[in-house]
C-alpha cells in the first residue's frame, strides 16, 4: 500500500476568498514504512500573505517572491500523489485548497478525490479520543512523539510528524521484521510480524565491558544503601 502523508500552508483559511497555497509537503510510506521519498515545494501565491498568517508559518512575501507559481509544479505534484492513499489532518482544508488550485489552471486536472484515496486523521482522532483536544500538538503529546522542532507550522515537518502520529494511532509498532523468514499471517494495516526460523543465525549478544559492570555494581550498592534491601544484590 502506497500512502502519502500530506500537509499544506496557505495565505489564509478560505480559497473562495482568494487565498492560495504557499507550501506543500508530502512524505511517502509503503506498507507502513517511510521510504525517504518526499515532495516539498514553496509556491509563489501571486498575492500578498498577511502578517497574521506569516506569524503562524513564518513564510514571508520576500521569501516567496522568487518561488515557482502553482501551475509550474502542478504536473509533478499530481504525478507524486496520483493513485496513493493520502493521509491528512483535517483533510477538507488541504483538499479544498488543492482542488481550487487545480481548477484555476483550467487544464482538466482531476479532483484529489478522483485520483487518490483519503484518510482524515482528525476524524480518526476524534473517534478514538472523543471530547479531547485532537490537534497535531495534542496528539504528539498523547502518543509521546517529539515535536520540539515544531516552533512554527511547516508543511514538510508537519507531514513527517503526522506520519508518526498516524502509525501510533493506528497500531503503534506494526513492522517487527527481524528476519526474512515465514510470515505468521498475523497482519495489521498491511504489515506482518516475522519469526526467526530455526535455520537462521541467533542474534548477536553484546556483553557489558569492565567499566559498565563497575558502574552497574556501584548503582546496585547505591540502591542497597538507600533501601536496605536491593533485590539484585541478593
C-alpha atoms as a PDB file:
ATOM      1  CA  UNK A   1       0.000   0.000   0.000  1.00  0.00           C
ATOM      2  CA  UNK A   2       1.384   3.377  -1.021  1.00  0.00           C
ATOM      3  CA  UNK A   3       0.379   6.199   1.284  1.00  0.00           C
ATOM      4  CA  UNK A   4       1.303   9.865   1.122  1.00  0.00           C
ATOM      5  CA  UNK A   5       1.219  11.973   4.272  1.00  0.00           C
ATOM      6  CA  UNK A   6       0.414  15.485   3.101  1.00  0.00           C
ATOM      7  CA  UNK A   7       0.192  18.983   4.515  1.00  0.00           C
ATOM      8  CA  UNK A   8      -0.072  22.487   3.074  1.00  0.00           C
ATOM      9  CA  UNK A   9       0.487  26.042   4.254  1.00  0.00           C
ATOM     10  CA  UNK A  10      -1.635  28.809   2.786  1.00  0.00           C
ATOM     11  CA  UNK A  11      -2.229  32.558   2.736  1.00  0.00           C
ATOM     12  CA  UNK A  12      -5.478  32.174   4.695  1.00  0.00           C
ATOM     13  CA  UNK A  13      -8.303  29.829   5.572  1.00  0.00           C
ATOM     14  CA  UNK A  14     -10.666  30.018   2.582  1.00  0.00           C
ATOM     15  CA  UNK A  15      -9.761  29.626  -1.105  1.00  0.00           C
ATOM     16  CA  UNK A  16     -13.138  31.149  -2.033  1.00  0.00           C
ATOM     17  CA  UNK A  17     -11.781  34.422  -0.630  1.00  0.00           C
ATOM     18  CA  UNK A  18      -8.809  34.282  -2.980  1.00  0.00           C
ATOM     19  CA  UNK A  19      -6.372  32.556  -0.631  1.00  0.00           C
ATOM     20  CA  UNK A  20      -3.708  30.323  -2.145  1.00  0.00           C
ATOM     21  CA  UNK A  21      -1.210  27.617  -1.241  1.00  0.00           C
ATOM     22  CA  UNK A  22       2.333  28.722  -0.333  1.00  0.00           C
ATOM     23  CA  UNK A  23       3.857  25.353   0.647  1.00  0.00           C
ATOM     24  CA  UNK A  24       3.199  21.672   0.004  1.00  0.00           C
ATOM     25  CA  UNK A  25       4.959  18.934   1.945  1.00  0.00           C
ATOM     26  CA  UNK A  26       4.485  15.197   1.348  1.00  0.00           C
ATOM     27  CA  UNK A  27       6.287  12.100   2.609  1.00  0.00           C
ATOM     28  CA  UNK A  28       5.848   8.640   1.132  1.00  0.00           C
ATOM     29  CA  UNK A  29       5.076   5.499   3.083  1.00  0.00           C
ATOM     30  CA  UNK A  30       4.793   1.986   1.633  1.00  0.00           C
ATOM     31  CA  UNK A  31       3.423  -0.850   3.763  1.00  0.00           C
ATOM     32  CA  UNK A  32       3.592   1.445   6.821  1.00  0.00           C
ATOM     33  CA  UNK A  33       7.294   2.166   6.348  1.00  0.00           C
ATOM     34  CA  UNK A  34       8.654   5.590   5.396  1.00  0.00           C
ATOM     35  CA  UNK A  35      10.618   5.292   2.172  1.00  0.00           C
ATOM     36  CA  UNK A  36      12.560   8.560   2.361  1.00  0.00           C
ATOM     37  CA  UNK A  37      10.872   9.844  -0.812  1.00  0.00           C
ATOM     38  CA  UNK A  38       9.162  13.177  -0.447  1.00  0.00           C
ATOM     39  CA  UNK A  39       7.700  16.079  -2.398  1.00  0.00           C
ATOM     40  CA  UNK A  40       8.312  19.540  -0.992  1.00  0.00           C
ATOM     41  CA  UNK A  41       7.907  22.914  -2.639  1.00  0.00           C
ATOM     42  CA  UNK A  42       7.321  26.549  -1.731  1.00  0.00           C
ATOM     43  CA  UNK A  43       4.933  28.342  -4.056  1.00  0.00           C
ATOM     44  CA  UNK A  44       4.541  31.985  -5.027  1.00  0.00           C
ATOM     45  CA  UNK A  45       0.821  32.547  -4.330  1.00  0.00           C
ATOM     46  CA  UNK A  46       0.628  35.557  -6.671  1.00  0.00           C
ATOM     47  CA  UNK A  47      -0.885  37.592  -3.873  1.00  0.00           C
ATOM     48  CA  UNK A  48       0.163  39.154  -0.569  1.00  0.00           C
ATOM     49  CA  UNK A  49       0.496  36.992   2.543  1.00  0.00           C
ATOM     50  CA  UNK A  50      -0.895  38.866   5.533  1.00  0.00           C
ATOM     51  CA  UNK A  51       1.283  39.293   8.628  1.00  0.00           C
ATOM     52  CA  UNK A  52      -1.217  37.420  10.802  1.00  0.00           C
ATOM     53  CA  UNK A  53      -0.661  34.307   8.695  1.00  0.00           C
ATOM     54  CA  UNK A  54       3.099  34.831   8.485  1.00  0.00           C
ATOM     55  CA  UNK A  55       3.118  34.701  12.293  1.00  0.00           C
ATOM     56  CA  UNK A  56       1.734  31.147  12.043  1.00  0.00           C
ATOM     57  CA  UNK A  57       4.043  29.596   9.445  1.00  0.00           C
ATOM     58  CA  UNK A  58       6.869  32.126   9.124  1.00  0.00           C
ATOM     59  CA  UNK A  59       6.772  32.163   5.303  1.00  0.00           C
ATOM     60  CA  UNK A  60       7.240  35.771   4.193  1.00  0.00           C
ATOM     61  CA  UNK A  61       6.364  37.556   0.967  1.00  0.00           C
ATOM     62  CA  UNK A  62      10.051  38.269   0.371  1.00  0.00           C
ATOM     63  CA  UNK A  63      10.894  34.572   0.664  1.00  0.00           C
ATOM     64  CA  UNK A  64       8.148  33.567  -1.781  1.00  0.00           C
ATOM     65  CA  UNK A  65       8.947  36.229  -4.390  1.00  0.00           C
ATOM     66  CA  UNK A  66      11.250  34.003  -6.488  1.00  0.00           C
ATOM     67  CA  UNK A  67       9.443  30.699  -5.909  1.00  0.00           C
ATOM     68  CA  UNK A  68       7.543  28.905  -8.706  1.00  0.00           C
ATOM     69  CA  UNK A  69       3.831  29.509  -9.167  1.00  0.00           C
ATOM     70  CA  UNK A  70       1.440  26.590  -8.774  1.00  0.00           C
ATOM     71  CA  UNK A  71       0.966  25.965 -12.496  1.00  0.00           C
ATOM     72  CA  UNK A  72       4.693  25.249 -12.799  1.00  0.00           C
ATOM     73  CA  UNK A  73       4.667  22.480 -10.181  1.00  0.00           C
ATOM     74  CA  UNK A  74       1.157  21.084 -10.702  1.00  0.00           C
ATOM     75  CA  UNK A  75       2.114  18.212 -13.026  1.00  0.00           C
ATOM     76  CA  UNK A  76       4.939  16.974 -10.792  1.00  0.00           C
ATOM     77  CA  UNK A  77       2.741  17.216  -7.725  1.00  0.00           C
ATOM     78  CA  UNK A  78      -0.114  15.297  -9.329  1.00  0.00           C
ATOM     79  CA  UNK A  79       2.288  12.605 -10.547  1.00  0.00           C
ATOM     80  CA  UNK A  80       3.604  12.171  -6.992  1.00  0.00           C
ATOM     81  CA  UNK A  81       0.212  11.733  -5.330  1.00  0.00           C
ATOM     82  CA  UNK A  82      -1.776  10.005  -8.082  1.00  0.00           C
ATOM     83  CA  UNK A  83      -3.044   6.564  -7.078  1.00  0.00           C
ATOM     84  CA  UNK A  84      -1.889   6.865  -3.461  1.00  0.00           C
ATOM     85  CA  UNK A  85      -3.896   6.985  -0.277  1.00  0.00           C
ATOM     86  CA  UNK A  86      -3.469  10.451   1.213  1.00  0.00           C
ATOM     87  CA  UNK A  87      -3.198  10.853   4.985  1.00  0.00           C
ATOM     88  CA  UNK A  88      -4.125  14.398   6.005  1.00  0.00           C
ATOM     89  CA  UNK A  89      -5.027  16.061   9.297  1.00  0.00           C
ATOM     90  CA  UNK A  90      -8.265  17.974   8.694  1.00  0.00           C
ATOM     91  CA  UNK A  91      -8.383  16.776   5.100  1.00  0.00           C
ATOM     92  CA  UNK A  92     -11.206  19.045   3.820  1.00  0.00           C
ATOM     93  CA  UNK A  93      -8.984  22.088   4.375  1.00  0.00           C
ATOM     94  CA  UNK A  94      -5.996  20.861   2.347  1.00  0.00           C
ATOM     95  CA  UNK A  95      -8.065  19.101  -0.311  1.00  0.00           C
ATOM     96  CA  UNK A  96     -10.221  22.187  -0.743  1.00  0.00           C
ATOM     97  CA  UNK A  97      -7.152  24.307  -1.453  1.00  0.00           C
ATOM     98  CA  UNK A  98      -5.554  21.757  -3.788  1.00  0.00           C
ATOM     99  CA  UNK A  99      -8.751  21.291  -5.791  1.00  0.00           C
ATOM    100  CA  UNK A 100      -9.105  25.075  -6.020  1.00  0.00           C
ATOM    101  CA  UNK A 101      -5.538  25.399  -7.341  1.00  0.00           C
ATOM    102  CA  UNK A 102      -6.210  22.655  -9.928  1.00  0.00           C
ATOM    103  CA  UNK A 103      -9.431  24.357 -11.037  1.00  0.00           C
ATOM    104  CA  UNK A 104      -7.658  27.689 -11.598  1.00  0.00           C
ATOM    105  CA  UNK A 105      -5.414  26.043 -14.207  1.00  0.00           C
ATOM    106  CA  UNK A 106      -8.381  25.192 -16.463  1.00  0.00           C
ATOM    107  CA  UNK A 107      -6.483  22.218 -17.873  1.00  0.00           C
ATOM    108  CA  UNK A 108      -8.829  19.417 -16.912  1.00  0.00           C
ATOM    109  CA  UNK A 109      -6.981  18.379 -13.777  1.00  0.00           C
ATOM    110  CA  UNK A 110      -8.874  15.777 -11.709  1.00  0.00           C
ATOM    111  CA  UNK A 111     -10.003  16.472  -8.175  1.00  0.00           C
ATOM    112  CA  UNK A 112      -7.937  14.920  -5.411  1.00  0.00           C
ATOM    113  CA  UNK A 113     -10.803  12.550  -4.611  1.00  0.00           C
ATOM    114  CA  UNK A 114     -10.873  11.301  -8.210  1.00  0.00           C
ATOM    115  CA  UNK A 115      -7.246  10.182  -8.219  1.00  0.00           C
ATOM    116  CA  UNK A 116      -6.489   9.383  -4.559  1.00  0.00           C
ATOM    117  CA  UNK A 117      -7.992   7.781  -1.501  1.00  0.00           C
ATOM    118  CA  UNK A 118      -8.109   9.967   1.598  1.00  0.00           C
ATOM    119  CA  UNK A 119      -7.765   9.262   5.329  1.00  0.00           C
ATOM    120  CA  UNK A 120      -8.529  12.177   7.636  1.00  0.00           C
ATOM    121  CA  UNK A 121      -6.523  11.691  10.832  1.00  0.00           C
ATOM    122  CA  UNK A 122      -8.569  14.356  12.602  1.00  0.00           C
ATOM    123  CA  UNK A 123     -11.677  12.221  12.098  1.00  0.00           C
ATOM    124  CA  UNK A 124      -9.784   9.138  13.316  1.00  0.00           C
ATOM    125  CA  UNK A 125      -8.538  11.002  16.386  1.00  0.00           C
ATOM    126  CA  UNK A 126     -11.993  12.289  17.292  1.00  0.00           C
ATOM    127  CA  UNK A 127     -13.358   8.734  17.147  1.00  0.00           C
ATOM    128  CA  UNK A 128     -10.538   7.380  19.328  1.00  0.00           C
ATOM    129  CA  UNK A 129     -10.418  10.317  21.740  1.00  0.00           C
ATOM    130  CA  UNK A 130     -13.866  11.940  21.865  1.00  0.00           C
ATOM    131  CA  UNK A 131     -14.125  15.144  23.842  1.00  0.00           C
ATOM    132  CA  UNK A 132     -10.354  15.691  23.900  1.00  0.00           C
ATOM    133  CA  UNK A 133      -8.036  18.013  22.015  1.00  0.00           C
ATOM    134  CA  UNK A 134      -7.023  16.363  18.771  1.00  0.00           C
ATOM    135  CA  UNK A 135      -4.798  18.906  17.051  1.00  0.00           C
ATOM    136  CA  UNK A 136      -1.354  17.734  15.975  1.00  0.00           C
ATOM    137  CA  UNK A 137       0.433  19.048  19.073  1.00  0.00           C
ATOM    138  CA  UNK A 138      -2.076  17.340  21.388  1.00  0.00           C
ATOM    139  CA  UNK A 139      -1.699  14.038  19.540  1.00  0.00           C
ATOM    140  CA  UNK A 140       2.087  14.260  19.743  1.00  0.00           C
ATOM    141  CA  UNK A 141       1.822  14.676  23.495  1.00  0.00           C
ATOM    142  CA  UNK A 142      -0.664  11.807  23.797  1.00  0.00           C
ATOM    143  CA  UNK A 143       1.472   9.394  21.780  1.00  0.00           C
ATOM    144  CA  UNK A 144       4.857  10.560  23.139  1.00  0.00           C
ATOM    145  CA  UNK A 145       6.099  11.865  19.778  1.00  0.00           C
ATOM    146  CA  UNK A 146       8.818  14.504  19.816  1.00  0.00           C
ATOM    147  CA  UNK A 147       7.599  17.682  18.129  1.00  0.00           C
ATOM    148  CA  UNK A 148      10.084  20.052  19.775  1.00  0.00           C
ATOM    149  CA  UNK A 149      11.263  21.232  16.332  1.00  0.00           C
ATOM    150  CA  UNK A 150       7.752  22.481  15.549  1.00  0.00           C
ATOM    151  CA  UNK A 151       8.104  26.103  16.667  1.00  0.00           C
ATOM    152  CA  UNK A 152       6.160  27.214  13.567  1.00  0.00           C
ATOM    153  CA  UNK A 153       3.842  25.379  11.219  1.00  0.00           C
ATOM    154  CA  UNK A 154       5.639  23.889   8.229  1.00  0.00           C
ATOM    155  CA  UNK A 155       4.207  21.532   5.623  1.00  0.00           C
ATOM    156  CA  UNK A 156       7.097  19.074   5.341  1.00  0.00           C
ATOM    157  CA  UNK A 157       7.869  18.926   9.065  1.00  0.00           C
ATOM    158  CA  UNK A 158       4.183  18.562   9.918  1.00  0.00           C
ATOM    159  CA  UNK A 159       3.872  15.732   7.390  1.00  0.00           C
ATOM    160  CA  UNK A 160       6.786  13.890   8.974  1.00  0.00           C
ATOM    161  CA  UNK A 161       5.274  14.343  12.437  1.00  0.00           C
ATOM    162  CA  UNK A 162       1.823  13.300  11.222  1.00  0.00           C
ATOM    163  CA  UNK A 163       3.300  10.098   9.793  1.00  0.00           C
ATOM    164  CA  UNK A 164       4.492   9.138  13.284  1.00  0.00           C
ATOM    165  CA  UNK A 165       1.157  10.110  14.800  1.00  0.00           C
ATOM    166  CA  UNK A 166      -0.755   8.051  12.236  1.00  0.00           C
ATOM    167  CA  UNK A 167       1.366   4.951  12.830  1.00  0.00           C
ATOM    168  CA  UNK A 168       0.962   5.273  16.594  1.00  0.00           C
ATOM    169  CA  UNK A 169      -2.755   5.968  16.375  1.00  0.00           C
ATOM    170  CA  UNK A 170      -3.456   3.007  14.077  1.00  0.00           C
ATOM    171  CA  UNK A 171      -1.477   0.317  15.807  1.00  0.00           C
ATOM    172  CA  UNK A 172       1.844   1.582  17.109  1.00  0.00           C
ATOM    173  CA  UNK A 173       4.788  -0.605  16.096  1.00  0.00           C
ATOM    174  CA  UNK A 174       3.406  -2.879  13.431  1.00  0.00           C
ATOM    175  CA  UNK A 175       6.534  -3.741  11.436  1.00  0.00           C
ATOM    176  CA  UNK A 176       8.684  -6.082  13.517  1.00  0.00           C
ATOM    177  CA  UNK A 177      10.802  -7.508  10.706  1.00  0.00           C
ATOM    178  CA  UNK A 178      13.506  -9.471  12.481  1.00  0.00           C
ATOM    179  CA  UNK A 179      14.281 -11.710   9.527  1.00  0.00           C
ATOM    180  CA  UNK A 180      13.094 -12.773   6.117  1.00  0.00           C
ATOM    181  CA  UNK A 181      11.539 -15.938   7.490  1.00  0.00           C
ATOM    182  CA  UNK A 182       7.993 -17.154   7.021  1.00  0.00           C
ATOM    183  CA  UNK A 183       5.112 -14.796   7.776  1.00  0.00           C
ATOM    184  CA  UNK A 184       2.952 -15.850  10.694  1.00  0.00           C
ATOM    185  CA  UNK A 185      -0.130 -14.485   8.991  1.00  0.00           C
ATOM    186  CA  UNK A 186      -0.747 -12.020  11.813  1.00  0.00           C
ATOM    187  CA  UNK A 187      -1.105  -8.741   9.976  1.00  0.00           C
ATOM    188  CA  UNK A 188      -2.294  -5.265  10.802  1.00  0.00           C
ATOM    189  CA  UNK A 189      -2.611  -2.407   8.341  1.00  0.00           C
ATOM    190  CA  UNK A 190      -0.658  -4.351   5.730  1.00  0.00           C
ATOM    191  CA  UNK A 191       2.422  -5.300   7.780  1.00  0.00           C
ATOM    192  CA  UNK A 192       3.382  -8.558   9.421  1.00  0.00           C
ATOM    193  CA  UNK A 193       5.432  -9.878  12.320  1.00  0.00           C
ATOM    194  CA  UNK A 194       8.101 -12.211  11.019  1.00  0.00           C
ATOM    195  CA  UNK A 195       9.567 -15.020  13.107  1.00  0.00           C
ATOM    196  CA  UNK A 196      13.189 -16.134  13.068  1.00  0.00           C
ATOM    197  CA  UNK A 197      13.350 -19.630  11.641  1.00  0.00           C
ATOM    198  CA  UNK A 198      15.484 -22.372  13.191  1.00  0.00           C
ATOM    199  CA  UNK A 199      17.877 -22.207  10.254  1.00  0.00           C
ATOM    200  CA  UNK A 200      18.659 -18.558  10.894  1.00  0.00           C
ATOM    201  CA  UNK A 201      21.683 -17.445  12.971  1.00  0.00           C
ATOM    202  CA  UNK A 202      20.959 -16.336  16.521  1.00  0.00           C
ATOM    203  CA  UNK A 203      21.024 -12.641  17.303  1.00  0.00           C
ATOM    204  CA  UNK A 204      24.403 -11.339  18.417  1.00  0.00           C
ATOM    205  CA  UNK A 205      24.596 -10.556  22.152  1.00  0.00           C
ATOM    206  CA  UNK A 206      26.964  -7.768  23.226  1.00  0.00           C
ATOM    207  CA  UNK A 207      28.190  -8.227  26.792  1.00  0.00           C
ATOM    208  CA  UNK A 208      28.908  -5.327  29.135  1.00  0.00           C
ATOM    209  CA  UNK A 209      32.555  -4.331  29.419  1.00  0.00           C
ATOM    210  CA  UNK A 210      34.503  -3.910  32.670  1.00  0.00           C
ATOM    211  CA  UNK A 211      33.680  -0.242  33.140  1.00  0.00           C
ATOM    212  CA  UNK A 212      29.982  -0.851  32.575  1.00  0.00           C
ATOM    213  CA  UNK A 213      29.983  -3.697  35.090  1.00  0.00           C
ATOM    214  CA  UNK A 214      31.657  -1.462  37.677  1.00  0.00           C
ATOM    215  CA  UNK A 215      29.075   1.285  37.113  1.00  0.00           C
ATOM    216  CA  UNK A 216      26.304  -1.271  37.431  1.00  0.00           C
ATOM    217  CA  UNK A 217      27.694  -2.610  40.689  1.00  0.00           C
ATOM    218  CA  UNK A 218      28.041   0.909  42.082  1.00  0.00           C
ATOM    219  CA  UNK A 219      24.420   1.628  41.224  1.00  0.00           C
ATOM    220  CA  UNK A 220      23.245  -1.524  42.988  1.00  0.00           C
ATOM    221  CA  UNK A 221      25.222  -0.590  46.094  1.00  0.00           C
ATOM    222  CA  UNK A 222      23.646   2.877  45.997  1.00  0.00           C
ATOM    223  CA  UNK A 223      20.188   1.277  45.900  1.00  0.00           C
ATOM    224  CA  UNK A 224      21.150  -1.028  48.754  1.00  0.00           C
ATOM    225  CA  UNK A 225      22.306   1.930  50.850  1.00  0.00           C
ATOM    226  CA  UNK A 226      19.069   3.851  50.319  1.00  0.00           C
ATOM    227  CA  UNK A 227      16.589   0.997  50.549  1.00  0.00           C
ATOM    228  CA  UNK A 228      18.383  -1.511  52.741  1.00  0.00           C
ATOM    229  CA  UNK A 229      17.245  -4.332  50.520  1.00  0.00           C
ATOM    230  CA  UNK A 230      18.496  -4.386  46.936  1.00  0.00           C
ATOM    231  CA  UNK A 231      16.952  -7.444  45.278  1.00  0.00           C
ATOM    232  CA  UNK A 232      19.634  -7.694  42.599  1.00  0.00           C
ATOM    233  CA  UNK A 233      22.455  -7.869  45.157  1.00  0.00           C
ATOM    234  CA  UNK A 234      20.744 -10.828  46.816  1.00  0.00           C
END
